[in-house]
Amino acid sequence: MTPKKRKRDVEAAEAGLEEQDAPAVEEVDEDPLARAERERDEAIANWQRARADYKNLNRRSLETIDAAVGRARTEVLGELLLVLDYLDMALMAECTGEEAKNLHYGVSLTRDQMLGVLERFEVKPIEELETFDPAIHQALSKVDDPERAEGEIVEVVRKGYRIGEQVLRHAQVHVVGVEEPSPAPADDEDTEEESSEEA
């Protein structure tokens, strides 16, 4: 490469660098005051958006935490209801000897303490109703009794409980009602035909 050609290449490269370093000329000359006001308005709008995003994120985080705590509390209190059931069963046992009476008294005190803890968490027994209500009852079985009205509760097997207005555990009951109809014979024949076709 000749010295003249090398010199032209260096000059061209320097000229290219100068063009890149030169500030871009704005097509429209903007008043400095107007530009400052525009930048101020953009900064305020960005700040307000960021503040609203932060508030929304904070609210959603608190809601998520509250929901998780509520689910965990409901699970723990539901497990405590089983302990209360066992204490109730222990209190149903007959007590004849002095030691058995003392044990019965201790179990009774423990049960009362457990009920106190549950009440502090707004857990209360569901009031016993005479008629079946699917919102608060779970039917364990349907009983045929012509002397009673359909839907009448025959026996409460396990008490139900609420936590505030929410049902923590449905009351398990035996209820008067008509037995579920058995499947029609035509359905059985259809299933037999299907199984023979598959074979």
N, C-alpha and C. Protein backbone atom coordinates (compact mmCIF):
# COMPACT_ATOMS: atom_id res chain seq x y z
N MET A 1 0.86 -1.17 0.00
CA MET A 1 0.00 0.00 0.00
C MET A 1 0.90 1.23 0.00
N THR A 2 0.59 2.20 -0.84
CA THR A 2 1.42 3.41 -0.97
C THR A 2 1.14 4.35 0.18
N PRO A 3 2.12 5.20 0.53
CA PRO A 3 1.91 6.14 1.65
C PRO A 3 0.75 7.08 1.39
N LYS A 4 0.51 7.48 0.12
CA LYS A 4 -0.59 8.40 -0.18
C LYS A 4 -1.94 7.73 0.10
N LYS A 5 -2.03 6.46 -0.35
CA LYS A 5 -3.29 5.72 -0.15
C LYS A 5 -3.55 5.51 1.34
N ARG A 6 -2.47 5.18 2.08
CA ARG A 6 -2.63 4.96 3.52
C ARG A 6 -3.10 6.25 4.19
N LYS A 7 -2.55 7.40 3.78
CA LYS A 7 -2.92 8.69 4.36
C LYS A 7 -4.38 9.00 4.08
N ARG A 8 -4.86 8.69 2.82
CA ARG A 8 -6.26 8.94 2.49
C ARG A 8 -7.20 8.07 3.34
N ASP A 9 -6.79 6.81 3.58
CA ASP A 9 -7.62 5.91 4.41
C ASP A 9 -7.72 6.42 5.84
N VAL A 10 -6.60 6.89 6.39
CA VAL A 10 -6.60 7.41 7.77
C VAL A 10 -7.48 8.64 7.85
N GLU A 11 -7.38 9.55 6.86
CA GLU A 11 -8.20 10.76 6.87
C GLU A 11 -9.68 10.41 6.76
N ALA A 12 -10.00 9.43 5.93
CA ALA A 12 -11.41 9.02 5.78
C ALA A 12 -11.95 8.43 7.09
N ALA A 13 -11.12 7.63 7.76
CA ALA A 13 -11.53 7.04 9.03
C ALA A 13 -11.75 8.11 10.08
N GLU A 14 -10.84 9.11 10.13
CA GLU A 14 -10.99 10.21 11.11
C GLU A 14 -12.23 11.02 10.83
N ALA A 15 -12.49 11.26 9.53
CA ALA A 15 -13.69 12.02 9.17
C ALA A 15 -14.96 11.26 9.59
N GLY A 16 -14.95 9.92 9.43
CA GLY A 16 -16.10 9.10 9.85
C GLY A 16 -16.32 9.17 11.34
N LEU A 17 -15.20 9.15 12.12
CA LEU A 17 -15.32 9.25 13.57
C LEU A 17 -15.87 10.60 13.98
N GLU A 18 -15.43 11.65 13.32
CA GLU A 18 -15.92 12.99 13.64
C GLU A 18 -17.41 13.10 13.37
N GLU A 19 -17.86 12.48 12.27
CA GLU A 19 -19.29 12.51 11.95
C GLU A 19 -20.11 11.79 13.02
N GLN A 20 -19.57 10.66 13.54
CA GLN A 20 -20.29 9.91 14.57
C GLN A 20 -20.33 10.70 15.88
N ASP A 21 -19.23 11.39 16.23
CA ASP A 21 -19.17 12.12 17.49
C ASP A 21 -19.97 13.40 17.44
N ALA A 22 -20.25 13.92 16.28
CA ALA A 22 -20.96 15.20 16.18
C ALA A 22 -22.39 15.02 16.66
N PRO A 23 -22.90 15.96 17.49
CA PRO A 23 -24.28 15.84 17.98
C PRO A 23 -25.26 15.98 16.84
N ALA A 24 -26.37 15.22 16.98
CA ALA A 24 -27.40 15.26 15.94
C ALA A 24 -28.09 16.60 15.99
N VAL A 25 -28.25 17.19 14.86
CA VAL A 25 -28.89 18.50 14.78
C VAL A 25 -30.40 18.29 14.80
N GLU A 26 -31.09 18.92 15.75
CA GLU A 26 -32.54 18.78 15.83
C GLU A 26 -33.17 19.49 14.65
N GLU A 27 -34.15 18.81 14.07
CA GLU A 27 -34.81 19.39 12.91
C GLU A 27 -35.58 20.64 13.31
N VAL A 28 -36.22 20.58 14.49
CA VAL A 28 -36.99 21.72 14.96
C VAL A 28 -36.28 22.28 16.19
N ASP A 29 -35.93 23.54 16.16
CA ASP A 29 -35.30 24.15 17.34
C ASP A 29 -36.39 24.33 18.38
N GLU A 30 -36.14 23.73 19.59
CA GLU A 30 -37.12 23.79 20.66
C GLU A 30 -36.66 24.78 21.71
N ASP A 31 -37.59 25.55 22.18
CA ASP A 31 -37.29 26.52 23.22
C ASP A 31 -36.82 25.76 24.47
N PRO A 32 -35.73 26.18 25.10
CA PRO A 32 -35.23 25.46 26.29
C PRO A 32 -36.27 25.38 27.40
N LEU A 33 -37.07 26.41 27.58
CA LEU A 33 -38.09 26.39 28.62
C LEU A 33 -39.17 25.35 28.29
N ALA A 34 -39.60 25.31 27.02
CA ALA A 34 -40.62 24.34 26.61
C ALA A 34 -40.08 22.91 26.75
N ARG A 35 -38.78 22.72 26.39
CA ARG A 35 -38.19 21.39 26.52
C ARG A 35 -38.13 20.98 28.00
N ALA A 36 -37.77 21.90 28.86
CA ALA A 36 -37.69 21.60 30.30
C ALA A 36 -39.07 21.25 30.85
N GLU A 37 -40.09 21.99 30.41
CA GLU A 37 -41.45 21.69 30.88
C GLU A 37 -41.92 20.32 30.39
N ARG A 38 -41.59 20.00 29.11
CA ARG A 38 -41.96 18.70 28.57
C ARG A 38 -41.28 17.57 29.34
N GLU A 39 -39.99 17.73 29.62
CA GLU A 39 -39.26 16.71 30.38
C GLU A 39 -39.80 16.58 31.79
N ARG A 40 -40.17 17.75 32.39
CA ARG A 40 -40.76 17.71 33.73
C ARG A 40 -42.07 16.94 33.72
N ASP A 41 -42.94 17.21 32.72
CA ASP A 41 -44.23 16.52 32.63
C ASP A 41 -44.04 15.02 32.43
N GLU A 42 -43.06 14.64 31.59
CA GLU A 42 -42.78 13.22 31.39
C GLU A 42 -42.29 12.56 32.68
N ALA A 43 -41.42 13.27 33.41
CA ALA A 43 -40.91 12.72 34.68
C ALA A 43 -42.03 12.54 35.69
N ILE A 44 -42.94 13.52 35.77
CA ILE A 44 -44.06 13.42 36.72
C ILE A 44 -44.98 12.26 36.33
N ALA A 45 -45.26 12.12 35.01
CA ALA A 45 -46.13 11.03 34.56
C ALA A 45 -45.49 9.67 34.85
N ASN A 46 -44.18 9.55 34.60
CA ASN A 46 -43.47 8.29 34.91
C ASN A 46 -43.50 8.00 36.40
N TRP A 47 -43.33 9.04 37.22
CA TRP A 47 -43.35 8.85 38.67
C TRP A 47 -44.73 8.40 39.14
N GLN A 48 -45.79 9.02 38.57
CA GLN A 48 -47.15 8.63 38.97
C GLN A 48 -47.45 7.20 38.56
N ARG A 49 -46.99 6.80 37.36
CA ARG A 49 -47.20 5.41 36.93
C ARG A 49 -46.46 4.44 37.85
N ALA A 50 -45.21 4.77 38.18
CA ALA A 50 -44.43 3.90 39.06
C ALA A 50 -45.07 3.81 40.44
N ARG A 51 -45.59 4.93 40.94
CA ARG A 51 -46.24 4.93 42.25
C ARG A 51 -47.50 4.07 42.25
N ALA A 52 -48.31 4.19 41.16
CA ALA A 52 -49.53 3.38 41.05
C ALA A 52 -49.17 1.89 40.94
N ASP A 53 -48.13 1.57 40.16
CA ASP A 53 -47.69 0.18 40.03
C ASP A 53 -47.25 -0.38 41.38
N TYR A 54 -46.53 0.45 42.15
CA TYR A 54 -46.06 0.01 43.46
C TYR A 54 -47.24 -0.24 44.40
N LYS A 55 -48.23 0.65 44.39
CA LYS A 55 -49.40 0.47 45.25
C LYS A 55 -50.15 -0.80 44.88
N ASN A 56 -50.32 -1.04 43.57
CA ASN A 56 -51.01 -2.25 43.12
C ASN A 56 -50.25 -3.51 43.52
N LEU A 57 -48.93 -3.48 43.35
CA LEU A 57 -48.11 -4.62 43.73
C LEU A 57 -48.20 -4.87 45.23
N ASN A 58 -48.15 -3.80 46.01
CA ASN A 58 -48.23 -3.93 47.46
C ASN A 58 -49.58 -4.51 47.88
N ARG A 59 -50.67 -4.02 47.26
CA ARG A 59 -52.00 -4.52 47.60
C ARG A 59 -52.14 -5.99 47.23
N ARG A 60 -51.66 -6.35 46.02
CA ARG A 60 -51.75 -7.76 45.59
C ARG A 60 -50.92 -8.66 46.50
N SER A 61 -49.75 -8.18 46.92
CA SER A 61 -48.90 -8.98 47.80
C SER A 61 -49.60 -9.22 49.14
N LEU A 62 -50.21 -8.16 49.69
CA LEU A 62 -50.92 -8.31 50.97
C LEU A 62 -52.10 -9.27 50.83
N GLU A 63 -52.83 -9.17 49.71
CA GLU A 63 -53.96 -10.08 49.49
C GLU A 63 -53.49 -11.52 49.38
N THR A 64 -52.37 -11.74 48.67
CA THR A 64 -51.83 -13.09 48.52
C THR A 64 -51.40 -13.65 49.86
N ILE A 65 -50.74 -12.82 50.67
CA ILE A 65 -50.28 -13.26 52.00
C ILE A 65 -51.47 -13.58 52.88
N ASP A 66 -52.48 -12.69 52.88
CA ASP A 66 -53.68 -12.93 53.71
C ASP A 66 -54.39 -14.22 53.30
N ALA A 67 -54.49 -14.45 52.00
CA ALA A 67 -55.15 -15.68 51.53
C ALA A 67 -54.38 -16.92 51.96
N ALA A 68 -53.04 -16.87 51.85
CA ALA A 68 -52.21 -18.02 52.25
C ALA A 68 -52.32 -18.28 53.74
N VAL A 69 -52.30 -17.21 54.54
CA VAL A 69 -52.44 -17.36 56.00
C VAL A 69 -53.81 -17.92 56.34
N GLY A 70 -54.85 -17.42 55.65
CA GLY A 70 -56.21 -17.92 55.91
C GLY A 70 -56.35 -19.39 55.58
N ARG A 71 -55.75 -19.83 54.45
CA ARG A 71 -55.81 -21.26 54.09
C ARG A 71 -55.09 -22.11 55.12
N ALA A 72 -53.91 -21.66 55.55
CA ALA A 72 -53.13 -22.44 56.53
C ALA A 72 -53.87 -22.51 57.86
N ARG A 73 -54.47 -21.38 58.28
CA ARG A 73 -55.21 -21.36 59.54
C ARG A 73 -56.41 -22.29 59.47
N THR A 74 -57.11 -22.27 58.33
CA THR A 74 -58.29 -23.14 58.18
C THR A 74 -57.89 -24.61 58.26
N GLU A 75 -56.75 -24.97 57.64
CA GLU A 75 -56.29 -26.37 57.69
C GLU A 75 -55.96 -26.79 59.12
N VAL A 76 -55.26 -25.93 59.84
CA VAL A 76 -54.87 -26.26 61.22
C VAL A 76 -56.11 -26.39 62.10
N LEU A 77 -57.03 -25.44 61.97
CA LEU A 77 -58.23 -25.50 62.80
C LEU A 77 -59.08 -26.71 62.44
N GLY A 78 -59.11 -27.09 61.17
CA GLY A 78 -59.83 -28.30 60.77
C GLY A 78 -59.25 -29.54 61.42
N GLU A 79 -57.91 -29.59 61.53
CA GLU A 79 -57.27 -30.73 62.20
C GLU A 79 -57.59 -30.73 63.70
N LEU A 80 -57.68 -29.55 64.30
CA LEU A 80 -58.00 -29.47 65.73
C LEU A 80 -59.41 -29.98 66.02
N LEU A 81 -60.29 -29.86 65.02
CA LEU A 81 -61.65 -30.37 65.22
C LEU A 81 -61.66 -31.88 65.41
N LEU A 82 -60.72 -32.57 64.76
CA LEU A 82 -60.61 -34.02 64.98
C LEU A 82 -60.23 -34.33 66.41
N VAL A 83 -59.30 -33.54 66.96
CA VAL A 83 -58.90 -33.73 68.36
C VAL A 83 -60.11 -33.50 69.27
N LEU A 84 -60.90 -32.47 68.95
CA LEU A 84 -62.10 -32.20 69.74
C LEU A 84 -63.08 -33.36 69.66
N ASP A 85 -63.20 -33.99 68.48
CA ASP A 85 -64.08 -35.16 68.33
C ASP A 85 -63.62 -36.30 69.24
N TYR A 86 -62.32 -36.53 69.28
CA TYR A 86 -61.80 -37.61 70.14
C TYR A 86 -62.04 -37.31 71.61
N LEU A 87 -61.89 -36.04 71.99
CA LEU A 87 -62.16 -35.68 73.39
C LEU A 87 -63.64 -35.89 73.72
N ASP A 88 -64.52 -35.56 72.77
CA ASP A 88 -65.96 -35.79 72.99
C ASP A 88 -66.26 -37.28 73.14
N MET A 89 -65.61 -38.11 72.31
CA MET A 89 -65.82 -39.56 72.41
C MET A 89 -65.32 -40.09 73.76
N ALA A 90 -64.18 -39.55 74.22
CA ALA A 90 -63.65 -39.99 75.52
C ALA A 90 -64.61 -39.61 76.64
N LEU A 91 -65.26 -38.48 76.54
CA LEU A 91 -66.19 -38.04 77.58
C LEU A 91 -67.48 -38.86 77.59
N MET A 92 -67.79 -39.57 76.49
CA MET A 92 -68.99 -40.40 76.44
C MET A 92 -68.81 -41.72 77.18
N ALA A 93 -67.57 -42.07 77.47
CA ALA A 93 -67.33 -43.36 78.16
C ALA A 93 -67.83 -43.27 79.60
N GLU A 94 -68.33 -44.41 80.08
CA GLU A 94 -68.85 -44.46 81.45
C GLU A 94 -67.69 -44.45 82.44
N CYS A 95 -67.87 -43.75 83.54
CA CYS A 95 -66.85 -43.66 84.58
C CYS A 95 -67.41 -44.26 85.88
N THR A 96 -66.76 -45.32 86.33
CA THR A 96 -67.24 -45.96 87.56
C THR A 96 -66.26 -45.77 88.72
N GLY A 97 -64.99 -45.94 88.46
CA GLY A 97 -64.00 -45.82 89.53
C GLY A 97 -63.56 -44.38 89.76
N GLU A 98 -62.84 -44.17 90.87
CA GLU A 98 -62.35 -42.83 91.22
C GLU A 98 -61.34 -42.33 90.19
N GLU A 99 -60.44 -43.21 89.76
CA GLU A 99 -59.43 -42.82 88.77
C GLU A 99 -60.08 -42.45 87.44
N ALA A 100 -61.08 -43.19 87.05
CA ALA A 100 -61.78 -42.91 85.80
C ALA A 100 -62.48 -41.56 85.87
N LYS A 101 -63.06 -41.23 87.03
CA LYS A 101 -63.72 -39.94 87.20
C LYS A 101 -62.72 -38.80 87.12
N ASN A 102 -61.54 -39.01 87.72
CA ASN A 102 -60.50 -37.99 87.65
C ASN A 102 -60.02 -37.79 86.21
N LEU A 103 -59.87 -38.91 85.50
CA LEU A 103 -59.47 -38.83 84.09
C LEU A 103 -60.54 -38.12 83.27
N HIS A 104 -61.80 -38.44 83.55
CA HIS A 104 -62.93 -37.80 82.86
C HIS A 104 -62.90 -36.29 83.10
N TYR A 105 -62.62 -35.89 84.33
CA TYR A 105 -62.57 -34.47 84.67
C TYR A 105 -61.43 -33.78 83.91
N GLY A 106 -60.28 -34.44 83.83
CA GLY A 106 -59.14 -33.87 83.10
C GLY A 106 -59.43 -33.72 81.61
N VAL A 107 -60.07 -34.73 81.04
CA VAL A 107 -60.43 -34.67 79.62
C VAL A 107 -61.44 -33.55 79.39
N SER A 108 -62.37 -33.38 80.33
CA SER A 108 -63.36 -32.33 80.21
C SER A 108 -62.70 -30.95 80.23
N LEU A 109 -61.72 -30.77 81.13
CA LEU A 109 -61.00 -29.49 81.18
C LEU A 109 -60.23 -29.24 79.87
N THR A 110 -59.61 -30.29 79.35
CA THR A 110 -58.87 -30.16 78.09
C THR A 110 -59.81 -29.77 76.95
N ARG A 111 -60.98 -30.38 76.92
CA ARG A 111 -61.97 -30.07 75.87
C ARG A 111 -62.43 -28.62 75.97
N ASP A 112 -62.69 -28.17 77.21
CA ASP A 112 -63.11 -26.77 77.40
C ASP A 112 -62.02 -25.80 76.95
N GLN A 113 -60.76 -26.16 77.25
CA GLN A 113 -59.63 -25.33 76.82
C GLN A 113 -59.56 -25.28 75.29
N MET A 114 -59.76 -26.42 74.66
CA MET A 114 -59.72 -26.49 73.20
C MET A 114 -60.85 -25.65 72.59
N LEU A 115 -62.04 -25.72 73.18
CA LEU A 115 -63.16 -24.90 72.69
C LEU A 115 -62.85 -23.42 72.83
N GLY A 116 -62.18 -23.04 73.93
CA GLY A 116 -61.80 -21.64 74.13
C GLY A 116 -60.83 -21.16 73.05
N VAL A 117 -59.87 -22.01 72.70
CA VAL A 117 -58.91 -21.66 71.64
C VAL A 117 -59.64 -21.49 70.31
N LEU A 118 -60.54 -22.41 70.00
CA LEU A 118 -61.28 -22.34 68.75
C LEU A 118 -62.16 -21.09 68.69
N GLU A 119 -62.77 -20.73 69.82
CA GLU A 119 -63.62 -19.54 69.84
C GLU A 119 -62.81 -18.27 69.62
N ARG A 120 -61.55 -18.26 70.09
CA ARG A 120 -60.70 -17.09 69.85
C ARG A 120 -60.42 -16.90 68.36
N PHE A 121 -60.46 -18.00 67.61
CA PHE A 121 -60.29 -17.93 66.15
C PHE A 121 -61.63 -17.89 65.43
N GLU A 122 -62.70 -17.53 66.16
CA GLU A 122 -64.05 -17.37 65.60
C GLU A 122 -64.62 -18.68 65.08
N VAL A 123 -64.19 -19.81 65.64
CA VAL A 123 -64.75 -21.11 65.25
C VAL A 123 -65.87 -21.44 66.22
N LYS A 124 -67.08 -21.65 65.67
CA LYS A 124 -68.24 -21.94 66.50
C LYS A 124 -69.01 -23.11 65.91
N PRO A 125 -69.67 -23.89 66.77
CA PRO A 125 -70.47 -25.01 66.24
C PRO A 125 -71.64 -24.49 65.40
N ILE A 126 -71.97 -25.25 64.36
CA ILE A 126 -73.15 -24.93 63.54
C ILE A 126 -74.39 -25.33 64.33
N GLU A 127 -75.36 -24.42 64.34
CA GLU A 127 -76.59 -24.70 65.08
C GLU A 127 -77.28 -25.92 64.48
N GLU A 128 -77.83 -26.74 65.33
CA GLU A 128 -78.49 -27.97 64.87
C GLU A 128 -79.88 -27.63 64.34
N LEU A 129 -80.12 -28.02 63.10
CA LEU A 129 -81.41 -27.78 62.47
C LEU A 129 -82.16 -29.10 62.32
N GLU A 130 -83.46 -29.01 62.16
CA GLU A 130 -84.26 -30.23 61.97
C GLU A 130 -84.29 -30.65 60.51
N THR A 131 -84.10 -29.70 59.62
CA THR A 131 -84.19 -29.98 58.18
C THR A 131 -82.82 -29.92 57.54
N PHE A 132 -82.58 -30.80 56.58
CA PHE A 132 -81.30 -30.89 55.89
C PHE A 132 -81.06 -29.63 55.06
N ASP A 133 -79.86 -29.07 55.21
CA ASP A 133 -79.44 -27.91 54.43
C ASP A 133 -78.08 -28.24 53.82
N PRO A 134 -78.00 -28.40 52.49
CA PRO A 134 -76.73 -28.82 51.87
C PRO A 134 -75.59 -27.82 52.07
N ALA A 135 -75.92 -26.57 52.43
CA ALA A 135 -74.87 -25.58 52.65
C ALA A 135 -74.08 -25.87 53.92
N ILE A 136 -74.74 -26.51 54.90
CA ILE A 136 -74.05 -26.76 56.18
C ILE A 136 -74.04 -28.24 56.58
N HIS A 137 -74.77 -29.09 55.84
CA HIS A 137 -74.85 -30.51 56.19
C HIS A 137 -74.24 -31.38 55.09
N GLN A 138 -73.75 -32.53 55.52
CA GLN A 138 -73.30 -33.58 54.59
C GLN A 138 -74.09 -34.83 54.95
N ALA A 139 -74.86 -35.34 54.00
CA ALA A 139 -75.68 -36.52 54.26
C ALA A 139 -74.82 -37.77 54.14
N LEU A 140 -74.68 -38.50 55.24
CA LEU A 140 -73.94 -39.76 55.23
C LEU A 140 -74.80 -40.88 54.69
N SER A 141 -76.09 -40.82 55.02
CA SER A 141 -77.00 -41.86 54.52
C SER A 141 -78.42 -41.30 54.49
N LYS A 142 -79.24 -41.93 53.65
CA LYS A 142 -80.66 -41.57 53.57
C LYS A 142 -81.45 -42.69 54.21
N VAL A 143 -82.40 -42.29 55.07
CA VAL A 143 -83.17 -43.26 55.85
C VAL A 143 -84.62 -43.22 55.38
N ASP A 144 -85.21 -44.41 55.24
CA ASP A 144 -86.65 -44.48 54.92
C ASP A 144 -87.43 -44.47 56.22
N ASP A 145 -88.26 -43.46 56.41
CA ASP A 145 -89.10 -43.38 57.60
C ASP A 145 -90.40 -42.68 57.20
N PRO A 146 -91.47 -43.47 57.00
CA PRO A 146 -92.74 -42.88 56.54
C PRO A 146 -93.36 -41.91 57.55
N GLU A 147 -92.94 -41.99 58.82
CA GLU A 147 -93.53 -41.12 59.84
C GLU A 147 -92.88 -39.74 59.84
N ARG A 148 -91.77 -39.57 59.15
CA ARG A 148 -91.07 -38.28 59.14
C ARG A 148 -91.10 -37.68 57.73
N ALA A 149 -90.95 -36.37 57.69
CA ALA A 149 -90.96 -35.66 56.40
C ALA A 149 -89.62 -35.86 55.69
N GLU A 150 -89.66 -35.82 54.37
CA GLU A 150 -88.43 -35.97 53.61
C GLU A 150 -87.51 -34.77 53.87
N GLY A 151 -86.24 -35.06 54.09
CA GLY A 151 -85.27 -34.00 54.38
C GLY A 151 -85.07 -33.75 55.85
N GLU A 152 -85.84 -34.44 56.69
CA GLU A 152 -85.69 -34.25 58.14
C GLU A 152 -84.45 -35.00 58.63
N ILE A 153 -83.70 -34.37 59.52
CA ILE A 153 -82.47 -34.96 60.04
C ILE A 153 -82.83 -35.95 61.15
N VAL A 154 -82.33 -37.18 61.00
CA VAL A 154 -82.60 -38.23 61.99
C VAL A 154 -81.55 -38.19 63.10
N GLU A 155 -80.27 -38.04 62.70
CA GLU A 155 -79.18 -38.08 63.68
C GLU A 155 -77.99 -37.27 63.16
N VAL A 156 -77.35 -36.56 64.09
CA VAL A 156 -76.11 -35.84 63.77
C VAL A 156 -74.95 -36.73 64.21
N VAL A 157 -74.16 -37.20 63.26
CA VAL A 157 -73.04 -38.09 63.56
C VAL A 157 -71.82 -37.29 64.01
N ARG A 158 -71.52 -36.23 63.28
CA ARG A 158 -70.41 -35.33 63.66
C ARG A 158 -70.89 -33.89 63.56
N LYS A 159 -70.56 -33.10 64.57
CA LYS A 159 -70.97 -31.70 64.57
C LYS A 159 -70.25 -30.93 63.48
N GLY A 160 -70.93 -29.94 62.95
CA GLY A 160 -70.31 -29.04 61.99
C GLY A 160 -69.85 -27.77 62.68
N TYR A 161 -68.89 -27.08 62.05
CA TYR A 161 -68.35 -25.85 62.63
C TYR A 161 -68.18 -24.79 61.54
N ARG A 162 -68.33 -23.54 61.96
CA ARG A 162 -68.09 -22.39 61.09
C ARG A 162 -66.85 -21.64 61.59
N ILE A 163 -66.18 -20.97 60.65
CA ILE A 163 -65.15 -20.01 61.02
C ILE A 163 -65.62 -18.69 60.46
N GLY A 164 -66.12 -17.83 61.31
CA GLY A 164 -66.79 -16.61 60.86
C GLY A 164 -68.08 -17.01 60.16
N GLU A 165 -68.23 -16.59 58.91
CA GLU A 165 -69.41 -16.97 58.12
C GLU A 165 -69.14 -18.17 57.22
N GLN A 166 -67.90 -18.61 57.15
CA GLN A 166 -67.52 -19.72 56.27
C GLN A 166 -67.65 -21.05 57.01
N VAL A 167 -68.12 -22.08 56.28
CA VAL A 167 -68.23 -23.42 56.88
C VAL A 167 -66.84 -24.04 56.93
N LEU A 168 -66.40 -24.37 58.13
CA LEU A 168 -65.10 -25.02 58.31
C LEU A 168 -65.24 -26.53 58.12
N ARG A 169 -66.30 -27.10 58.69
CA ARG A 169 -66.60 -28.52 58.50
C ARG A 169 -68.11 -28.70 58.50
N HIS A 170 -68.61 -29.39 57.48
CA HIS A 170 -70.05 -29.65 57.39
C HIS A 170 -70.46 -30.65 58.48
N ALA A 171 -71.67 -30.47 58.98
CA ALA A 171 -72.22 -31.43 59.93
C ALA A 171 -72.59 -32.70 59.17
N GLN A 172 -72.15 -33.84 59.69
CA GLN A 172 -72.44 -35.12 59.03
C GLN A 172 -73.69 -35.73 59.67
N VAL A 173 -74.69 -36.01 58.84
CA VAL A 173 -76.01 -36.38 59.37
C VAL A 173 -76.59 -37.56 58.60
N HIS A 174 -77.55 -38.23 59.27
CA HIS A 174 -78.42 -39.19 58.61
C HIS A 174 -79.74 -38.45 58.36
N VAL A 175 -80.26 -38.53 57.14
CA VAL A 175 -81.41 -37.73 56.77
C VAL A 175 -82.48 -38.60 56.13
N VAL A 176 -83.74 -38.24 56.37
CA VAL A 176 -84.86 -38.97 55.77
C VAL A 176 -84.95 -38.58 54.30
N GLY A 177 -85.04 -39.59 53.45
CA GLY A 177 -85.14 -39.30 52.02
C GLY A 177 -85.37 -40.54 51.22
N VAL A 178 -85.63 -40.36 49.96
CA VAL A 178 -85.86 -41.47 49.04
C VAL A 178 -84.50 -41.95 48.57
N GLU A 179 -84.33 -43.26 48.54
CA GLU A 179 -83.07 -43.84 48.07
C GLU A 179 -82.84 -43.47 46.62
N GLU A 180 -81.58 -43.38 46.25
CA GLU A 180 -81.22 -43.09 44.87
C GLU A 180 -81.78 -44.18 43.96
N PRO A 181 -82.40 -43.81 42.82
CA PRO A 181 -82.95 -44.84 41.93
C PRO A 181 -81.82 -45.66 41.32
N SER A 182 -82.07 -46.97 41.23
CA SER A 182 -81.05 -47.84 40.63
C SER A 182 -81.09 -47.66 39.12
N PRO A 183 -79.96 -47.93 38.44
CA PRO A 183 -79.94 -47.75 36.98
C PRO A 183 -80.95 -48.65 36.30
N ALA A 184 -81.52 -48.15 35.24
CA ALA A 184 -82.55 -48.90 34.49
C ALA A 184 -81.92 -50.14 33.86
N PRO A 185 -82.71 -51.23 33.72
CA PRO A 185 -82.18 -52.46 33.12
C PRO A 185 -81.67 -52.24 31.71
N ALA A 186 -82.28 -51.29 30.99
CA ALA A 186 -81.85 -51.04 29.61
C ALA A 186 -80.38 -50.62 29.59
N ASP A 187 -79.97 -49.83 30.59
CA ASP A 187 -78.58 -49.39 30.66
C ASP A 187 -77.66 -50.59 30.84
N ASP A 188 -78.09 -51.56 31.68
CA ASP A 188 -77.27 -52.75 31.92
C ASP A 188 -77.10 -53.54 30.62
N GLU A 189 -78.23 -53.66 29.86
CA GLU A 189 -78.15 -54.41 28.61
C GLU A 189 -77.20 -53.73 27.63
N ASP A 190 -77.29 -52.38 27.60
CA ASP A 190 -76.42 -51.64 26.69
C ASP A 190 -74.96 -51.87 27.06
N THR A 191 -74.65 -51.83 28.37
CA THR A 191 -73.26 -52.03 28.77
C THR A 191 -72.80 -53.45 28.47
N GLU A 192 -73.74 -54.45 28.61
CA GLU A 192 -73.37 -55.83 28.29
C GLU A 192 -73.07 -55.96 26.80
N GLU A 193 -73.94 -55.29 25.95
CA GLU A 193 -73.72 -55.35 24.52
C GLU A 193 -72.38 -54.72 24.15
N GLU A 194 -72.05 -53.55 24.82
CA GLU A 194 -70.80 -52.87 24.53
C GLU A 194 -69.62 -53.76 24.88
N SER A 195 -69.72 -54.43 26.06
CA SER A 195 -68.60 -55.28 26.49
C SER A 195 -68.44 -56.48 25.56
N SER A 196 -69.60 -57.04 25.06
CA SER A 196 -69.49 -58.18 24.14
C SER A 196 -68.91 -57.73 22.81
N GLU A 197 -69.25 -56.48 22.38
CA GLU A 197 -68.68 -55.97 21.14
C GLU A 197 -67.18 -55.77 21.27
N GLU A 198 -66.75 -55.26 22.47
CA GLU A 198 -65.32 -55.06 22.68
C GLU A 198 -64.57 -56.39 22.65
N ALA A 199 -65.22 -57.44 23.22
CA ALA A 199 -64.59 -58.76 23.25
C ALA A 199 -64.49 -59.28 21.85
